[in-house]
């Protein structure tokens, strides 16, 4: 019996395993042998697809940006709905939020913004500017300010500990975000 090799599938397994490993341990605590075991591949295969652990870390981040952009595309005429969908996605994939937190800790403010993020933010601010020109969204803030507010509100419950999360019953978290974004963005 001949085994079919599927390099794309193996790379995807490594990206998924990388997400899990980095979400649990960050880049400093992640281990290639554990990551390879998660993926069901040899540790050496990691280096076939990525130069090193840092390269895999960056590839996982780029993949997350791509997936979030596709799974929750911006709806510039209804930023409240967009914020609600981002909140939903974070709840469905808490490992992504943990990874992003590790990314911010590990890379800090000195790191260059990845190209995928720059492109995504540019496309979103352009879409918001067009919605502002149509009168669908307030022009009290710049497109960048609005996007920053929406993203911050959409993720606010994941950014704080139980002390803040406990201020509002959990079943009201999504509605709070949607109502706040609607109030901020209505012309």
C-alpha atoms as a PDB file:
ATOM      1  CA  UNK A   1       0.000   0.000   0.000  1.00  0.00           C
ATOM      2  CA  UNK A   2       1.364   3.412  -0.977  1.00  0.00           C
ATOM      3  CA  UNK A   3       0.959   6.286   1.455  1.00  0.00           C
ATOM      4  CA  UNK A   4      -0.123   9.559  -0.051  1.00  0.00           C
ATOM      5  CA  UNK A   5       1.815  12.533   1.157  1.00  0.00           C
ATOM      6  CA  UNK A   6      -0.167  15.685   1.640  1.00  0.00           C
ATOM      7  CA  UNK A   7       2.165  18.552   2.550  1.00  0.00           C
ATOM      8  CA  UNK A   8      -0.704  21.033   2.925  1.00  0.00           C
ATOM      9  CA  UNK A   9      -2.500  18.768   5.391  1.00  0.00           C
ATOM     10  CA  UNK A  10       0.689  18.301   7.432  1.00  0.00           C
ATOM     11  CA  UNK A  11       1.329  22.018   7.486  1.00  0.00           C
ATOM     12  CA  UNK A  12      -2.263  22.574   8.661  1.00  0.00           C
ATOM     13  CA  UNK A  13      -1.764  19.974  11.425  1.00  0.00           C
ATOM     14  CA  UNK A  14       1.339  21.858  12.547  1.00  0.00           C
ATOM     15  CA  UNK A  15      -0.491  25.198  12.551  1.00  0.00           C
ATOM     16  CA  UNK A  16      -3.336  23.726  14.636  1.00  0.00           C
ATOM     17  CA  UNK A  17      -0.921  22.050  17.036  1.00  0.00           C
ATOM     18  CA  UNK A  18       1.068  25.288  17.209  1.00  0.00           C
ATOM     19  CA  UNK A  19      -2.047  27.209  18.170  1.00  0.00           C
ATOM     20  CA  UNK A  20      -2.739  24.790  21.014  1.00  0.00           C
ATOM     21  CA  UNK A  21       0.844  24.672  22.250  1.00  0.00           C
ATOM     22  CA  UNK A  22       1.394  28.438  22.041  1.00  0.00           C
ATOM     23  CA  UNK A  23      -1.994  29.198  23.616  1.00  0.00           C
ATOM     24  CA  UNK A  24      -1.026  27.072  26.620  1.00  0.00           C
ATOM     25  CA  UNK A  25       2.650  27.983  26.971  1.00  0.00           C
ATOM     26  CA  UNK A  26       3.491  31.039  24.870  1.00  0.00           C
ATOM     27  CA  UNK A  27       6.478  30.926  22.572  1.00  0.00           C
ATOM     28  CA  UNK A  28       9.025  30.760  25.375  1.00  0.00           C
ATOM     29  CA  UNK A  29       7.385  27.793  27.071  1.00  0.00           C
ATOM     30  CA  UNK A  30       6.340  25.934  23.934  1.00  0.00           C
ATOM     31  CA  UNK A  31       8.317  22.829  23.028  1.00  0.00           C
ATOM     32  CA  UNK A  32       8.742  21.486  19.513  1.00  0.00           C
ATOM     33  CA  UNK A  33       8.572  17.861  20.680  1.00  0.00           C
ATOM     34  CA  UNK A  34       5.188  18.438  22.390  1.00  0.00           C
ATOM     35  CA  UNK A  35       3.936  20.397  19.408  1.00  0.00           C
ATOM     36  CA  UNK A  36       4.974  17.630  16.988  1.00  0.00           C
ATOM     37  CA  UNK A  37       3.308  15.015  19.188  1.00  0.00           C
ATOM     38  CA  UNK A  38       0.065  17.056  19.125  1.00  0.00           C
ATOM     39  CA  UNK A  39       0.260  17.146  15.337  1.00  0.00           C
ATOM     40  CA  UNK A  40       1.138  13.465  15.077  1.00  0.00           C
ATOM     41  CA  UNK A  41       4.329  14.153  13.144  1.00  0.00           C
ATOM     42  CA  UNK A  42       8.053  13.998  13.792  1.00  0.00           C
ATOM     43  CA  UNK A  43       9.690  17.004  15.443  1.00  0.00           C
ATOM     44  CA  UNK A  44      11.971  17.387  12.424  1.00  0.00           C
ATOM     45  CA  UNK A  45       8.987  17.966  10.163  1.00  0.00           C
ATOM     46  CA  UNK A  46       8.349  21.286  11.917  1.00  0.00           C
ATOM     47  CA  UNK A  47      11.581  22.573  10.391  1.00  0.00           C
ATOM     48  CA  UNK A  48      10.544  21.389   6.929  1.00  0.00           C
ATOM     49  CA  UNK A  49       7.733  23.935   6.929  1.00  0.00           C
ATOM     50  CA  UNK A  50       9.025  26.626   9.289  1.00  0.00           C
ATOM     51  CA  UNK A  51      12.534  27.938   9.904  1.00  0.00           C
ATOM     52  CA  UNK A  52      12.158  27.692  13.655  1.00  0.00           C
ATOM     53  CA  UNK A  53       9.676  27.940  16.513  1.00  0.00           C
ATOM     54  CA  UNK A  54       9.409  31.708  16.029  1.00  0.00           C
ATOM     55  CA  UNK A  55       8.519  31.206  12.373  1.00  0.00           C
ATOM     56  CA  UNK A  56       5.726  28.837  13.332  1.00  0.00           C
ATOM     57  CA  UNK A  57       4.527  31.298  15.996  1.00  0.00           C
ATOM     58  CA  UNK A  58       4.282  34.056  13.364  1.00  0.00           C
ATOM     59  CA  UNK A  59       2.580  31.702  10.887  1.00  0.00           C
ATOM     60  CA  UNK A  60      -0.038  30.784  13.501  1.00  0.00           C
ATOM     61  CA  UNK A  61      -0.678  34.481  14.118  1.00  0.00           C
ATOM     62  CA  UNK A  62      -1.047  35.206  10.389  1.00  0.00           C
ATOM     63  CA  UNK A  63      -3.430  32.251  10.071  1.00  0.00           C
ATOM     64  CA  UNK A  64      -5.572  33.564  12.922  1.00  0.00           C
ATOM     65  CA  UNK A  65      -5.800  37.006  11.296  1.00  0.00           C
ATOM     66  CA  UNK A  66      -6.848  35.384   8.019  1.00  0.00           C
ATOM     67  CA  UNK A  67      -9.415  33.095   9.644  1.00  0.00           C
ATOM     68  CA  UNK A  68     -11.004  35.842  11.746  1.00  0.00           C
ATOM     69  CA  UNK A  69     -11.210  38.127   8.714  1.00  0.00           C
ATOM     70  CA  UNK A  70     -12.968  35.368   6.751  1.00  0.00           C
ATOM     71  CA  UNK A  71     -15.162  34.049   9.587  1.00  0.00           C
ATOM     72  CA  UNK A  72     -16.285  37.445  10.832  1.00  0.00           C
ATOM     73  CA  UNK A  73     -16.054  39.892   7.945  1.00  0.00           C
ATOM     74  CA  UNK A  74     -16.635  43.495   8.830  1.00  0.00           C
ATOM     75  CA  UNK A  75     -20.120  44.862   8.227  1.00  0.00           C
ATOM     76  CA  UNK A  76     -19.336  48.576   8.167  1.00  0.00           C
ATOM     77  CA  UNK A  77     -22.999  49.612   8.028  1.00  0.00           C
ATOM     78  CA  UNK A  78     -23.689  47.545  11.164  1.00  0.00           C
ATOM     79  CA  UNK A  79     -20.615  47.626  13.379  1.00  0.00           C
ATOM     80  CA  UNK A  80     -22.697  46.466  16.356  1.00  0.00           C
ATOM     81  CA  UNK A  81     -23.427  43.179  14.571  1.00  0.00           C
ATOM     82  CA  UNK A  82     -19.738  42.878  13.677  1.00  0.00           C
ATOM     83  CA  UNK A  83     -18.744  43.330  17.320  1.00  0.00           C
ATOM     84  CA  UNK A  84     -21.285  40.698  18.349  1.00  0.00           C
ATOM     85  CA  UNK A  85     -19.876  38.212  15.845  1.00  0.00           C
ATOM     86  CA  UNK A  86     -16.327  38.891  17.043  1.00  0.00           C
ATOM     87  CA  UNK A  87     -17.498  38.262  20.607  1.00  0.00           C
ATOM     88  CA  UNK A  88     -19.129  34.999  19.486  1.00  0.00           C
ATOM     89  CA  UNK A  89     -15.970  33.873  17.687  1.00  0.00           C
ATOM     90  CA  UNK A  90     -13.861  34.553  20.783  1.00  0.00           C
ATOM     91  CA  UNK A  91     -16.258  32.467  22.875  1.00  0.00           C
ATOM     92  CA  UNK A  92     -16.136  29.603  20.390  1.00  0.00           C
ATOM     93  CA  UNK A  93     -12.340  29.679  20.188  1.00  0.00           C
ATOM     94  CA  UNK A  94     -10.893  30.704  23.568  1.00  0.00           C
ATOM     95  CA  UNK A  95      -7.522  29.255  22.560  1.00  0.00           C
ATOM     96  CA  UNK A  96      -7.266  31.996  19.920  1.00  0.00           C
ATOM     97  CA  UNK A  97      -7.761  34.708  22.539  1.00  0.00           C
ATOM     98  CA  UNK A  98      -5.116  33.068  24.752  1.00  0.00           C
ATOM     99  CA  UNK A  99      -2.725  32.889  21.811  1.00  0.00           C
ATOM    100  CA  UNK A 100      -3.315  36.564  20.977  1.00  0.00           C
ATOM    101  CA  UNK A 101      -2.640  37.482  24.615  1.00  0.00           C
ATOM    102  CA  UNK A 102       0.621  35.515  24.503  1.00  0.00           C
ATOM    103  CA  UNK A 103       1.489  37.168  21.192  1.00  0.00           C
ATOM    104  CA  UNK A 104       1.078  40.622  22.734  1.00  0.00           C
ATOM    105  CA  UNK A 105       3.183  39.605  25.755  1.00  0.00           C
ATOM    106  CA  UNK A 106       5.898  37.882  23.734  1.00  0.00           C
ATOM    107  CA  UNK A 107       6.185  40.420  20.940  1.00  0.00           C
ATOM    108  CA  UNK A 108       5.436  43.571  22.895  1.00  0.00           C
ATOM    109  CA  UNK A 109       5.110  47.050  21.478  1.00  0.00           C
ATOM    110  CA  UNK A 110       8.516  46.960  19.809  1.00  0.00           C
ATOM    111  CA  UNK A 111       7.562  44.296  17.273  1.00  0.00           C
ATOM    112  CA  UNK A 112       6.727  45.279  13.731  1.00  0.00           C
ATOM    113  CA  UNK A 113       3.056  44.933  12.888  1.00  0.00           C
ATOM    114  CA  UNK A 114       2.592  41.844  10.703  1.00  0.00           C
ATOM    115  CA  UNK A 115       1.611  42.597   7.106  1.00  0.00           C
ATOM    116  CA  UNK A 116      -1.616  40.583   7.459  1.00  0.00           C
ATOM    117  CA  UNK A 117      -2.732  42.840  10.316  1.00  0.00           C
ATOM    118  CA  UNK A 118      -1.778  46.030   8.487  1.00  0.00           C
ATOM    119  CA  UNK A 119      -3.737  44.948   5.408  1.00  0.00           C
ATOM    120  CA  UNK A 120      -6.754  43.828   7.449  1.00  0.00           C
ATOM    121  CA  UNK A 121      -6.900  47.091   9.406  1.00  0.00           C
ATOM    122  CA  UNK A 122      -6.502  49.152   6.244  1.00  0.00           C
ATOM    123  CA  UNK A 123      -9.370  47.324   4.533  1.00  0.00           C
ATOM    124  CA  UNK A 124     -11.587  47.728   7.595  1.00  0.00           C
ATOM    125  CA  UNK A 125     -10.914  51.441   8.039  1.00  0.00           C
ATOM    126  CA  UNK A 126     -11.555  51.989   4.326  1.00  0.00           C
ATOM    127  CA  UNK A 127     -14.902  50.182   4.649  1.00  0.00           C
ATOM    128  CA  UNK A 128     -15.821  52.261   7.713  1.00  0.00           C
ATOM    129  CA  UNK A 129     -14.897  55.485   5.888  1.00  0.00           C
ATOM    130  CA  UNK A 130     -17.211  54.496   3.034  1.00  0.00           C
ATOM    131  CA  UNK A 131     -20.013  53.771   5.531  1.00  0.00           C
ATOM    132  CA  UNK A 132     -19.425  57.193   7.082  1.00  0.00           C
ATOM    133  CA  UNK A 133     -19.682  58.830   3.658  1.00  0.00           C
ATOM    134  CA  UNK A 134     -22.999  57.026   3.088  1.00  0.00           C
ATOM    135  CA  UNK A 135     -24.226  58.303   6.465  1.00  0.00           C
ATOM    136  CA  UNK A 136     -24.646  54.768   7.839  1.00  0.00           C
ATOM    137  CA  UNK A 137     -22.075  55.300  10.607  1.00  0.00           C
ATOM    138  CA  UNK A 138     -21.239  58.313  12.723  1.00  0.00           C
ATOM    139  CA  UNK A 139     -18.434  60.595  11.664  1.00  0.00           C
ATOM    140  CA  UNK A 140     -17.792  61.806  15.234  1.00  0.00           C
ATOM    141  CA  UNK A 141     -14.636  59.687  15.177  1.00  0.00           C
ATOM    142  CA  UNK A 142     -12.172  58.786  12.473  1.00  0.00           C
ATOM    143  CA  UNK A 143     -12.490  55.342  10.884  1.00  0.00           C
ATOM    144  CA  UNK A 144      -9.425  54.217  12.843  1.00  0.00           C
ATOM    145  CA  UNK A 145     -10.868  55.427  16.131  1.00  0.00           C
ATOM    146  CA  UNK A 146     -14.157  53.659  15.449  1.00  0.00           C
ATOM    147  CA  UNK A 147     -12.417  50.414  14.537  1.00  0.00           C
ATOM    148  CA  UNK A 148     -10.266  50.569  17.671  1.00  0.00           C
ATOM    149  CA  UNK A 149     -13.365  51.149  19.815  1.00  0.00           C
ATOM    150  CA  UNK A 150     -15.287  48.305  18.178  1.00  0.00           C
ATOM    151  CA  UNK A 151     -12.407  45.838  18.511  1.00  0.00           C
ATOM    152  CA  UNK A 152     -11.772  46.802  22.115  1.00  0.00           C
ATOM    153  CA  UNK A 153     -15.412  46.491  23.096  1.00  0.00           C
ATOM    154  CA  UNK A 154     -15.844  43.192  21.236  1.00  0.00           C
ATOM    155  CA  UNK A 155     -12.991  41.672  23.239  1.00  0.00           C
ATOM    156  CA  UNK A 156     -13.397  43.517  26.528  1.00  0.00           C
ATOM    157  CA  UNK A 157     -14.602  40.536  28.571  1.00  0.00           C
ATOM    158  CA  UNK A 158     -11.588  38.478  27.490  1.00  0.00           C
ATOM    159  CA  UNK A 159      -9.110  41.206  28.397  1.00  0.00           C
ATOM    160  CA  UNK A 160     -10.023  41.470  32.062  1.00  0.00           C
ATOM    161  CA  UNK A 161     -10.199  39.149  35.013  1.00  0.00           C
ATOM    162  CA  UNK A 162     -13.235  37.935  36.868  1.00  0.00           C
ATOM    163  CA  UNK A 163     -13.441  41.190  38.824  1.00  0.00           C
ATOM    164  CA  UNK A 164     -14.480  43.083  35.696  1.00  0.00           C
ATOM    165  CA  UNK A 165     -16.325  40.196  34.023  1.00  0.00           C
ATOM    166  CA  UNK A 166     -18.338  39.758  37.201  1.00  0.00           C
ATOM    167  CA  UNK A 167     -19.703  43.305  37.052  1.00  0.00           C
ATOM    168  CA  UNK A 168     -22.215  42.174  34.442  1.00  0.00           C
ATOM    169  CA  UNK A 169     -23.898  38.759  34.400  1.00  0.00           C
ATOM    170  CA  UNK A 170     -22.265  36.545  31.787  1.00  0.00           C
ATOM    171  CA  UNK A 171     -25.492  36.074  29.842  1.00  0.00           C
ATOM    172  CA  UNK A 172     -25.549  39.872  29.286  1.00  0.00           C
ATOM    173  CA  UNK A 173     -21.982  40.237  27.984  1.00  0.00           C
ATOM    174  CA  UNK A 174     -22.826  40.021  24.281  1.00  0.00           C
ATOM    175  CA  UNK A 175     -25.839  42.326  24.530  1.00  0.00           C
ATOM    176  CA  UNK A 176     -23.760  44.881  26.435  1.00  0.00           C
ATOM    177  CA  UNK A 177     -21.151  44.922  23.665  1.00  0.00           C
ATOM    178  CA  UNK A 178     -23.711  45.176  20.866  1.00  0.00           C
ATOM    179  CA  UNK A 179     -25.660  47.963  22.585  1.00  0.00           C
ATOM    180  CA  UNK A 180     -22.496  49.922  23.390  1.00  0.00           C
ATOM    181  CA  UNK A 181     -21.191  49.695  19.828  1.00  0.00           C
ATOM    182  CA  UNK A 182     -24.582  50.660  18.447  1.00  0.00           C
ATOM    183  CA  UNK A 183     -24.650  53.714  20.715  1.00  0.00           C
ATOM    184  CA  UNK A 184     -21.110  54.682  19.624  1.00  0.00           C
ATOM    185  CA  UNK A 185     -21.665  54.243  15.906  1.00  0.00           C
ATOM    186  CA  UNK A 186     -25.202  55.460  15.250  1.00  0.00           C
ATOM    187  CA  UNK A 187     -25.100  58.721  13.261  1.00  0.00           C
END
